[in-house]
Amino acid sequence: MKTVITNTLDGSDILVDGDRIAALGTPAMIRSMAGPDARILDVQKSMALPGFNDSHMHLRMTGQMLTGCRLDTAGSITEIQSILRSCHEPFVHGMGWDQENLLEKRMPERRDLDAVNPDIPIVCERYCTHILTANTAAMKLAGVWREDGIFQEAACEPLLEALDSQAARHIQAGVDHCLARGLTTVQIADLKTGNWRKLLPLYRDASQRIRIHHQVNITDPKEMEDFLREARLYETDTHTFGPFKGFADGSLGGRTAWLGREYADEPGNCGEPCMTEEEMETFVEACDRLNRPVIFHAIGDAAIRQVLAVYRRHPGMKQGILHLQITDEAILQDLERLQTDCMVQPVFWRSDRNIVEQRVGTRMARTSYAFGWMASHARVSLGTDCPIEDCDPLENIRWAVSMPGGLSEKQALTAYTEGSAWAMGRSRDLGKLAPGYLADIVFVRDGMVTGVIVNGQMTE
C-alpha cells in the first residue's frame, strides 16, 4: 500500500511504500510516482520529522506511573498520604516523590505509609527509582524488613516483583503515552534478571504499535547466554535486542552517585559504586565474547572514570554510557578519544540545576552536564529516562537548547533521531527522512504533535 503525505510545512510531499520511504519531492512528482490507488494523507501544514527515538527509558514503569498514584506534585508527607488514600488498588504503587520538594525535607518512612493503611501493601518510589519506601504490609508480602521502610538500589527488587501481575496493562499504557508524545522508537531498560522470560511475549505484542529496542539488565555471563538463545524467538523488525547494561553507581538526588570526592553537602559520603572494576571487567569481557554492545548507568565522575578505564581495554566494541552528569575535563577528553556513545537526558537539568552545585561544589559543577560539548565532540543520543522525567521529546529539546552549554536546536533534533538510531545500531535505515529508510515519521505543528507514523502505519 502506497501513501502520499502531502501539505507539509515545507511544501514537499513524501511517498511511503509499505514500511519504507520511497521518495521525497514536489507534489506533482510524488503523485506521478504514487499511482491512482495511493492513499492521501493531508498533514495540514505540519512539519514532517523523522520519528523521535528515546535512547533510554522504562516503558513498563511509565505505565505504572500513569495507572498508579503520581506523587511528583506532592509538597509534603501529608499530601503524599492524601494521594495514596485516593488510590483504591489491591497493591498501591506511588511514584515520583522527591524529599527536596517536601515541606519536611525528609523521605517518607514506613510509619507514614502505615498511617494511610497498615493492611494493604503500599510501595512509593522516589522519582529517581533508586529508592523506595514500603509499609508493613508490603514488606511482609515481599519477605523483607527495615524499620524505616526505606530501601535503595538492588534491595528494592523484592518489593517491586509483586507488581508483575499488572505488567501487560502497564506496558500498553506506556505505549499509548509514548505515541501521543511523538515517539516512534523506545529504547527500554525493563528486562532484567528474574523477569525477562515473563515479559518478552508482552513486549513483542506491544511492538506491533511502537518500535521497541531492549537494553538488557543482565550481567551474569551464563544468564546472558541463556537470554540471547531464548530472546531470538521473540525478535522481529520492530522488537529488537541491543546492549547488555550494567550499573556503575546510583543517583545524584539520593547521594548514591559515586563521586571522586565527598559530597559537598554530606561530608564523608562519596556515593556508592555498584560494581568493582574486576566485576565490570568480567561483564564487559562477556559482552565482547558474545559480540554484544555494552552500556553502563554512570552519573558520578568516579563511576564514569571506572567505566572508561574498562572500555579502554576493549577497543572495537560498541560501548555507551547513560546519564554522564558529573564530569571533569579529563573525562570529556576520554569520551571524545574513545567516541563513546553518550546517552544523555537534558530534561534532567530542570530539577538537577537546583542541587548540582550543592552536591558537587562550584568547580565540578562548571564542567558537569556538558551535553553541548559532547554533541560537538562525541556521539550523542537523547532520552528522558521516563518516568524519571516525562518522555516528551519537544520538552526535552527545549531543555537541551536552553541549559547552560547546551545543544543547538539542529544538534538536539539530530541527536533525537540519527543519534538515537546510531546508538541502537540502526543508522542505515532509521532516523532520517530519506528514500530507503523506515517510514517512522512524526508531524508537529505549533509546538504540538499532530500525528505519528510507525513502520508505515498511521497510529490512532
Protein backbone atom coordinates (compact mmCIF):
# COMPACT_ATOMS: atom_id res chain seq x y z
CA MET A 1 0.00 0.00 0.00
CA LYS A 2 1.37 3.40 -1.02
CA THR A 3 0.68 6.55 0.95
CA VAL A 4 1.28 10.13 -0.18
CA ILE A 5 1.96 12.54 2.68
CA THR A 6 1.05 15.98 1.41
CA ASN A 7 0.61 19.60 2.54
CA THR A 8 3.70 19.54 4.79
CA LEU A 9 5.11 22.76 6.20
CA ASP A 10 7.97 22.96 3.67
CA GLY A 11 5.70 22.10 0.72
CA SER A 12 7.36 18.80 -0.19
CA ASP A 13 5.47 15.51 -0.38
CA ILE A 14 6.62 12.12 0.90
CA LEU A 15 5.83 8.79 -0.72
CA VAL A 16 5.63 5.82 1.62
CA ASP A 17 5.56 2.33 0.13
CA GLY A 18 4.83 -0.33 2.74
CA ASP A 19 7.14 0.25 5.68
CA ARG A 20 9.70 2.36 3.75
CA ILE A 21 10.07 5.89 2.47
CA ALA A 22 10.13 5.63 -1.32
CA ALA A 23 10.69 9.25 -2.32
CA LEU A 24 10.53 12.91 -1.31
CA GLY A 25 9.84 15.69 -3.77
CA THR A 26 7.37 18.10 -5.26
CA PRO A 27 3.66 17.23 -5.05
CA ALA A 28 3.48 16.71 -8.82
CA MET A 29 6.49 14.37 -8.84
CA ILE A 30 5.26 12.29 -5.89
CA ARG A 31 1.70 12.00 -7.27
CA SER A 32 3.04 10.74 -10.60
CA MET A 33 5.10 8.09 -8.79
CA ALA A 34 2.32 7.03 -6.45
CA GLY A 35 -0.33 5.99 -8.94
CA PRO A 36 -4.11 6.41 -8.69
CA ASP A 37 -4.68 3.95 -5.84
CA ALA A 38 -2.38 5.59 -3.30
CA ARG A 39 -3.83 6.80 -0.03
CA ILE A 40 -3.55 10.56 0.52
CA LEU A 41 -2.64 11.88 3.96
CA ASP A 42 -3.05 15.67 4.32
CA VAL A 43 -0.98 16.80 7.34
CA GLN A 44 -2.29 20.39 7.20
CA LYS A 45 0.99 22.30 7.21
CA SER A 46 2.58 20.19 9.93
CA MET A 47 6.34 19.83 9.95
CA ALA A 48 7.40 16.30 9.00
CA LEU A 49 10.32 14.95 11.03
CA PRO A 50 11.95 11.55 11.49
CA GLY A 51 10.18 9.79 14.34
CA PHE A 52 11.58 10.65 17.76
CA ASN A 53 13.63 7.87 19.33
CA ASP A 54 14.10 7.93 23.12
CA SER A 55 17.53 6.39 23.74
CA HIS A 56 16.80 5.36 27.34
CA MET A 57 13.54 4.97 29.22
CA HIS A 58 11.40 2.47 31.12
CA LEU A 59 8.18 1.58 29.32
CA ARG A 60 6.52 -0.56 31.97
CA MET A 61 7.43 1.86 34.74
CA THR A 62 5.94 4.68 32.67
CA GLY A 63 2.68 2.74 32.54
CA GLN A 64 2.90 2.13 36.27
CA MET A 65 3.20 5.86 36.84
CA LEU A 66 0.24 6.61 34.58
CA THR A 67 -2.02 3.99 36.14
CA GLY A 68 -0.81 4.34 39.73
CA CYS A 69 -0.51 7.21 42.20
CA ARG A 70 1.53 10.13 40.95
CA LEU A 71 3.42 11.74 43.79
CA ASP A 72 5.56 14.18 41.79
CA THR A 73 3.31 17.14 42.71
CA ALA A 74 3.26 16.39 46.45
CA GLY A 75 4.65 19.19 48.60
CA SER A 76 4.56 17.39 51.95
CA ILE A 77 4.26 13.97 53.59
CA THR A 78 0.64 14.86 54.38
CA GLU A 79 -0.06 15.42 50.66
CA ILE A 80 1.56 12.08 49.82
CA GLN A 81 -0.73 10.39 52.34
CA SER A 82 -3.78 12.13 50.89
CA ILE A 83 -2.91 11.00 47.33
CA LEU A 84 -2.33 7.42 48.48
CA ARG A 85 -5.70 7.32 50.26
CA SER A 86 -7.39 8.15 46.94
CA CYS A 87 -5.87 5.05 45.25
CA HIS A 88 -8.17 2.06 45.52
CA GLU A 89 -5.95 -0.80 44.34
CA PRO A 90 -5.12 -4.14 45.99
CA PHE A 91 -1.45 -3.08 45.85
CA VAL A 92 -0.91 0.69 45.97
CA HIS A 93 2.06 1.87 43.96
CA GLY A 94 3.10 5.50 44.26
CA MET A 95 5.83 7.07 42.14
CA GLY A 96 7.63 10.37 41.83
CA TRP A 97 8.22 11.84 45.30
CA ASP A 98 11.29 13.95 45.95
CA GLN A 99 12.22 14.83 49.52
CA GLU A 100 13.79 18.07 48.30
CA ASN A 101 10.29 19.26 47.33
CA LEU A 102 8.62 18.18 50.59
CA LEU A 103 7.89 20.54 53.47
CA GLU A 104 9.53 18.13 55.89
CA LYS A 105 12.74 17.79 53.79
CA ARG A 106 12.91 14.08 54.56
CA MET A 107 12.00 10.83 52.88
CA PRO A 108 8.63 9.25 53.67
CA GLU A 109 9.00 6.33 56.05
CA ARG A 110 7.14 3.13 56.94
CA ARG A 111 5.17 4.83 59.71
CA ASP A 112 3.92 7.46 57.22
CA LEU A 113 2.57 4.78 54.87
CA ASP A 114 1.19 2.64 57.69
CA ALA A 115 -0.86 5.69 58.73
CA VAL A 116 -2.56 5.51 55.31
CA ASN A 117 -3.38 1.81 55.56
CA PRO A 118 -1.40 -0.81 57.50
CA ASP A 119 -3.18 -3.76 55.87
CA ILE A 120 -2.89 -3.03 52.11
CA PRO A 121 0.62 -3.19 50.59
CA ILE A 122 1.93 0.28 49.70
CA VAL A 123 5.19 0.98 47.88
CA CYS A 124 6.26 4.52 46.98
CA GLU A 125 9.26 5.09 44.69
CA ARG A 126 11.39 8.20 44.69
CA TYR A 127 11.43 9.92 41.29
CA CYS A 128 14.94 8.55 40.60
CA THR A 129 13.57 4.95 41.03
CA HIS A 130 16.69 4.00 43.00
CA ILE A 131 14.99 4.47 46.39
CA LEU A 132 11.56 3.44 47.68
CA THR A 133 9.56 3.36 50.88
CA ALA A 134 7.31 0.44 51.82
CA ASN A 135 4.71 -0.04 54.51
CA THR A 136 4.50 -3.00 56.86
CA ALA A 137 2.07 -4.96 54.67
CA ALA A 138 4.28 -4.62 51.59
CA MET A 139 7.37 -5.76 53.47
CA LYS A 140 5.53 -8.78 54.87
CA LEU A 141 4.37 -9.69 51.35
CA ALA A 142 7.92 -9.42 50.00
CA GLY A 143 9.52 -11.16 52.98
CA VAL A 144 11.82 -8.24 53.83
CA TRP A 145 12.04 -5.79 56.71
CA ARG A 146 13.57 -2.45 57.59
CA GLU A 147 12.37 -0.39 60.49
CA ASP A 148 12.10 2.83 58.48
CA GLY A 149 10.83 1.03 55.38
CA ILE A 150 13.39 2.73 53.12
CA PHE A 151 15.19 0.59 50.51
CA GLN A 152 17.87 1.50 47.98
CA GLU A 153 19.18 0.05 44.73
CA ALA A 154 19.00 -3.79 44.47
CA ALA A 155 17.26 -4.06 47.85
CA CYS A 156 14.14 -2.60 46.16
CA GLU A 157 13.67 -5.61 43.87
CA PRO A 158 11.64 -7.96 46.14
CA LEU A 159 9.10 -5.19 46.74
CA LEU A 160 8.70 -4.42 43.03
CA GLU A 161 8.33 -8.03 41.88
CA ALA A 162 4.84 -8.20 43.37
CA LEU A 163 3.67 -5.71 40.72
CA ASP A 164 4.33 -8.10 37.81
CA SER A 165 0.70 -9.27 37.61
CA GLN A 166 -0.26 -5.89 36.11
CA ALA A 167 2.59 -5.81 33.57
CA ALA A 168 0.53 -6.11 30.35
CA ARG A 169 -1.74 -3.22 31.36
CA HIS A 170 1.23 -1.08 32.37
CA ILE A 171 3.12 -1.72 29.11
CA GLN A 172 0.16 -0.84 26.90
CA ALA A 173 -0.49 2.34 28.90
CA GLY A 174 3.15 3.27 28.41
CA VAL A 175 2.91 2.71 24.64
CA ASP A 176 -0.17 4.94 24.41
CA HIS A 177 1.67 7.72 26.23
CA CYS A 178 4.82 7.44 24.10
CA LEU A 179 2.90 7.57 20.83
CA ALA A 180 0.98 10.62 22.00
CA ARG A 181 4.33 12.32 22.66
CA GLY A 182 5.60 11.62 19.13
CA LEU A 183 7.91 8.71 19.88
CA THR A 184 8.17 6.00 17.24
CA THR A 185 11.03 4.08 18.90
CA VAL A 186 11.75 3.47 22.58
CA GLN A 187 14.99 2.00 23.86
CA ILE A 188 13.92 0.49 27.15
CA ALA A 189 15.76 -0.92 30.16
CA ASP A 190 12.94 -3.07 31.52
CA LEU A 191 14.26 -6.61 31.09
CA LYS A 192 16.43 -7.90 33.90
CA THR A 193 17.38 -10.97 35.88
CA GLY A 194 14.21 -12.55 37.22
CA ASN A 195 11.61 -11.03 34.86
CA TRP A 196 12.68 -11.39 31.22
CA ARG A 197 11.06 -14.74 30.48
CA LYS A 198 7.67 -13.45 31.69
CA LEU A 199 7.91 -10.09 29.93
CA LEU A 200 9.33 -10.98 26.50
CA PRO A 201 5.97 -12.02 24.97
CA LEU A 202 4.29 -8.89 26.35
CA TYR A 203 6.87 -6.60 24.74
CA ARG A 204 6.69 -8.47 21.44
CA ASP A 205 2.93 -7.82 21.40
CA ALA A 206 3.42 -4.15 22.28
CA SER A 207 5.97 -3.75 19.47
CA GLN A 208 3.19 -4.10 16.91
CA ARG A 209 2.36 -0.47 17.76
CA ILE A 210 5.76 1.11 18.53
CA ARG A 211 9.34 0.11 17.78
CA ILE A 212 10.94 -1.42 20.92
CA HIS A 213 14.68 -1.92 21.40
CA HIS A 214 15.89 -3.50 24.64
CA GLN A 215 18.79 -2.53 26.89
CA VAL A 216 19.05 -5.69 28.97
CA ASN A 217 19.91 -5.55 32.68
CA ILE A 218 21.75 -8.87 32.95
CA THR A 219 25.41 -9.07 33.96
CA ASP A 220 25.93 -12.78 34.73
CA PRO A 221 27.72 -14.36 31.71
CA LYS A 222 25.76 -17.62 31.84
CA GLU A 223 22.40 -15.86 32.04
CA MET A 224 23.46 -13.54 29.21
CA GLU A 225 23.96 -16.61 27.01
CA ASP A 226 20.59 -18.04 28.06
CA PHE A 227 18.90 -14.76 27.29
CA LEU A 228 20.38 -14.46 23.80
CA ARG A 229 19.37 -18.02 22.94
CA GLU A 230 15.75 -17.61 24.09
CA ALA A 231 15.22 -13.98 23.04
CA ARG A 232 15.76 -14.87 19.37
CA LEU A 233 12.32 -16.48 19.39
CA TYR A 234 10.76 -13.09 20.11
CA GLU A 235 12.81 -10.89 17.75
CA THR A 236 11.07 -9.06 14.90
CA ASP A 237 11.90 -5.94 12.89
CA THR A 238 10.07 -3.83 15.49
CA HIS A 239 11.19 -5.83 18.56
CA THR A 240 14.97 -5.95 18.82
CA PHE A 241 17.70 -6.52 21.38
CA GLY A 242 20.65 -4.23 21.94
CA PRO A 243 23.24 -3.85 24.66
CA PHE A 244 23.58 -5.55 27.96
CA LYS A 245 23.50 -2.94 30.70
CA GLY A 246 25.35 -2.62 33.97
CA PHE A 247 25.13 -0.16 36.86
CA ALA A 248 28.24 1.74 37.93
CA ASP A 249 26.54 3.84 40.62
CA GLY A 250 23.25 5.25 41.91
CA SER A 251 21.59 8.69 41.72
CA LEU A 252 22.69 12.26 42.38
CA GLY A 253 19.48 13.21 44.19
CA GLY A 254 19.81 10.27 46.57
CA ARG A 255 23.56 10.93 47.03
CA THR A 256 24.42 7.42 45.82
CA ALA A 257 26.09 8.54 42.57
CA TRP A 258 29.79 7.71 43.01
CA LEU A 259 31.96 10.82 43.19
CA GLY A 260 35.72 11.22 43.23
CA ARG A 261 35.37 13.49 46.26
CA GLU A 262 32.87 13.51 49.11
CA TYR A 263 29.55 15.24 48.60
CA ALA A 264 29.81 18.94 49.32
CA ASP A 265 26.56 18.78 51.29
CA GLU A 266 27.27 15.45 53.02
CA PRO A 267 30.88 15.19 54.22
CA GLY A 268 32.18 11.64 54.45
CA ASN A 269 29.90 10.34 51.70
CA CYS A 270 31.26 9.76 48.18
CA GLY A 271 28.30 7.72 46.98
CA GLU A 272 28.27 4.03 46.13
CA PRO A 273 29.99 2.07 43.37
CA CYS A 274 27.72 -0.75 42.23
CA MET A 275 30.46 -2.96 40.75
CA THR A 276 34.14 -3.40 41.40
CA GLU A 277 36.41 -2.84 38.42
CA GLU A 278 37.08 -6.59 38.34
CA GLU A 279 33.34 -7.34 38.20
CA MET A 280 32.90 -4.73 35.50
CA GLU A 281 35.78 -6.24 33.52
CA THR A 282 34.22 -9.73 33.69
CA PHE A 283 30.90 -8.33 32.44
CA VAL A 284 32.43 -6.37 29.55
CA GLU A 285 34.57 -9.36 28.57
CA ALA A 286 31.38 -11.44 28.35
CA CYS A 287 29.72 -8.81 26.13
CA ASP A 288 32.82 -8.75 23.91
CA ARG A 289 32.92 -12.54 23.65
CA LEU A 290 29.20 -12.68 22.81
CA ASN A 291 29.63 -9.86 20.25
CA ARG A 292 27.10 -7.67 22.06
CA PRO A 293 27.16 -3.92 22.74
CA VAL A 294 27.54 -2.77 26.34
CA ILE A 295 26.29 0.27 28.25
CA PHE A 296 26.57 1.42 31.85
CA HIS A 297 24.47 3.69 34.02
CA ALA A 298 27.09 6.12 35.35
CA ILE A 299 26.30 9.52 36.87
CA GLY A 300 29.20 10.40 39.19
CA ASP A 301 32.69 11.22 37.94
CA ALA A 302 34.30 8.29 39.78
CA ALA A 303 31.80 5.86 38.23
CA ILE A 304 32.35 7.30 34.75
CA ARG A 305 36.14 7.05 35.10
CA GLN A 306 35.84 3.40 36.15
CA VAL A 307 33.69 2.58 33.13
CA LEU A 308 36.06 4.36 30.73
CA ALA A 309 39.05 2.56 32.23
CA VAL A 310 37.42 -0.79 31.40
CA TYR A 311 36.30 0.39 27.96
CA ARG A 312 39.86 1.36 27.03
CA ARG A 313 40.85 -2.30 27.41
CA HIS A 314 38.20 -3.38 24.89
CA PRO A 315 38.66 -1.34 21.71
CA GLY A 316 36.40 -2.14 18.79
CA MET A 317 33.30 -2.83 20.88
CA LYS A 318 30.17 -0.71 20.66
CA GLN A 319 30.19 0.98 24.08
CA GLY A 320 27.90 3.54 25.69
CA ILE A 321 27.34 5.40 28.93
CA LEU A 322 23.98 6.54 30.24
CA HIS A 323 23.47 9.86 32.06
CA LEU A 324 27.05 11.23 32.21
CA GLN A 325 26.10 14.07 34.51
CA ILE A 326 29.15 14.78 36.71
CA THR A 327 32.22 15.18 34.52
CA ASP A 328 35.58 16.91 34.52
CA GLU A 329 37.75 17.92 31.57
CA ALA A 330 39.73 14.66 31.60
CA ILE A 331 36.52 12.63 31.32
CA LEU A 332 35.30 14.77 28.42
CA GLN A 333 38.58 14.27 26.57
CA ASP A 334 38.29 10.48 27.07
CA LEU A 335 34.74 10.49 25.70
CA GLU A 336 35.99 12.24 22.58
CA ARG A 337 39.02 9.99 22.20
CA LEU A 338 37.02 6.77 22.61
CA GLN A 339 33.95 8.05 20.73
CA THR A 340 31.78 6.52 23.43
CA ASP A 341 28.01 6.67 22.84
CA CYS A 342 26.79 9.43 25.19
CA MET A 343 23.14 8.69 26.03
CA VAL A 344 22.03 11.79 27.92
CA GLN A 345 18.86 13.37 29.31
CA PRO A 346 18.91 17.21 29.11
CA VAL A 347 15.50 17.44 30.77
CA PHE A 348 17.20 16.31 34.00
CA TRP A 349 18.53 19.86 34.21
CA ARG A 350 15.03 21.05 35.11
CA SER A 351 15.38 19.54 38.60
CA ASP A 352 19.13 18.98 38.93
CA ARG A 353 20.03 22.63 38.36
CA ASN A 354 18.70 23.23 41.89
CA ILE A 355 21.03 20.70 43.54
CA VAL A 356 24.13 20.09 41.41
CA GLU A 357 26.29 22.82 42.93
CA GLN A 358 25.17 21.85 46.44
CA ARG A 359 26.10 18.22 45.77
CA VAL A 360 29.44 18.54 43.96
CA GLY A 361 30.67 22.08 44.56
CA THR A 362 31.11 25.04 42.24
CA ARG A 363 34.24 23.85 40.43
CA MET A 364 32.92 20.42 39.44
CA ALA A 365 29.50 21.85 38.60
CA ARG A 366 31.10 24.07 35.92
CA THR A 367 32.26 21.06 33.88
CA SER A 368 29.19 18.88 34.52
CA TYR A 369 26.09 18.39 32.35
CA ALA A 370 28.35 19.18 29.38
CA PHE A 371 25.90 17.80 26.85
CA GLY A 372 26.51 20.51 24.26
CA TRP A 373 30.24 19.77 24.33
CA MET A 374 29.51 16.07 23.92
CA ALA A 375 27.26 16.76 20.92
CA SER A 376 30.15 18.58 19.21
CA HIS A 377 32.91 16.10 20.06
CA ALA A 378 31.39 12.63 20.62
CA ARG A 379 28.30 10.62 19.67
CA VAL A 380 25.18 11.81 21.47
CA SER A 381 21.63 10.50 21.66
CA LEU A 382 18.80 11.97 23.68
CA GLY A 383 16.40 10.27 26.07
CA THR A 384 14.39 11.05 29.17
CA ASP A 385 14.74 8.03 31.49
CA CYS A 386 10.93 8.25 31.64
CA PRO A 387 9.19 8.14 34.08
CA ILE A 388 12.05 9.92 35.89
CA GLU A 389 11.05 12.76 33.56
CA ASP A 390 8.21 12.71 31.07
CA CYS A 391 9.11 11.28 27.66
CA ASP A 392 8.04 14.43 25.77
CA PRO A 393 10.74 14.96 23.09
CA LEU A 394 9.76 18.58 22.43
CA GLU A 395 10.15 19.47 26.11
CA ASN A 396 13.47 17.61 26.27
CA ILE A 397 14.70 19.53 23.23
CA ARG A 398 13.70 22.84 24.85
CA TRP A 399 15.85 21.99 27.88
CA ALA A 400 18.69 20.75 25.66
CA VAL A 401 18.78 24.11 23.89
CA SER A 402 18.23 26.37 26.92
CA MET A 403 20.53 24.72 29.51
CA PRO A 404 24.00 26.24 30.06
CA GLY A 405 26.39 24.90 27.45
CA GLY A 406 23.51 23.17 25.72
CA LEU A 407 22.93 21.90 22.20
CA SER A 408 21.76 23.87 19.19
CA GLU A 409 18.25 23.03 18.01
CA LYS A 410 19.71 21.24 14.99
CA GLN A 411 22.04 19.19 17.21
CA ALA A 412 19.14 18.27 19.51
CA LEU A 413 16.91 17.13 16.63
CA THR A 414 19.76 15.12 15.14
CA ALA A 415 20.57 13.52 18.50
CA TYR A 416 16.90 12.54 18.98
CA THR A 417 16.73 10.86 15.56
CA GLU A 418 20.01 9.96 13.84
CA GLY A 419 21.91 9.87 17.14
CA SER A 420 19.45 7.50 18.78
CA ALA A 421 19.38 5.32 15.66
CA TRP A 422 23.18 5.10 15.82
CA ALA A 423 23.01 4.15 19.50
CA MET A 424 20.80 1.15 18.64
CA GLY A 425 22.82 0.15 15.57
CA ARG A 426 20.14 1.16 13.03
CA SER A 427 21.70 4.23 11.41
CA ARG A 428 21.46 2.71 7.93
CA ASP A 429 17.68 2.50 7.88
CA LEU A 430 16.31 4.58 10.77
CA GLY A 431 16.46 8.20 11.88
CA LYS A 432 16.21 10.08 8.57
CA LEU A 433 13.54 11.12 6.08
CA ALA A 434 15.27 9.64 3.06
CA PRO A 435 14.47 7.03 0.38
CA GLY A 436 15.00 3.51 1.66
CA TYR A 437 14.69 4.48 5.31
CA LEU A 438 11.95 3.07 7.53
CA ALA A 439 8.76 5.13 7.47
CA ASP A 440 8.80 6.29 11.09
CA ILE A 441 7.56 9.87 10.92
CA VAL A 442 6.21 12.44 13.37
CA PHE A 443 4.22 15.55 12.45
CA VAL A 444 4.49 18.72 14.54
CA ARG A 445 2.53 21.97 14.29
CA ASP A 446 2.58 24.93 16.70
CA GLY A 447 4.74 23.02 19.16
CA MET A 448 2.33 20.06 19.34
CA VAL A 449 2.47 16.54 17.91
CA THR A 450 -0.32 16.18 15.34
CA GLY A 451 0.33 12.65 14.09
CA VAL A 452 2.69 9.67 14.15
CA ILE A 453 3.53 7.01 11.60
CA VAL A 454 5.33 3.85 12.80
CA ASN A 455 6.64 1.35 10.27
CA GLY A 456 4.48 2.90 7.57
CA GLN A 457 1.27 2.78 9.60
CA MET A 458 -0.56 5.83 10.98
CA THR A 459 -1.20 5.34 14.69
CA GLU A 460 -4.54 6.05 16.30
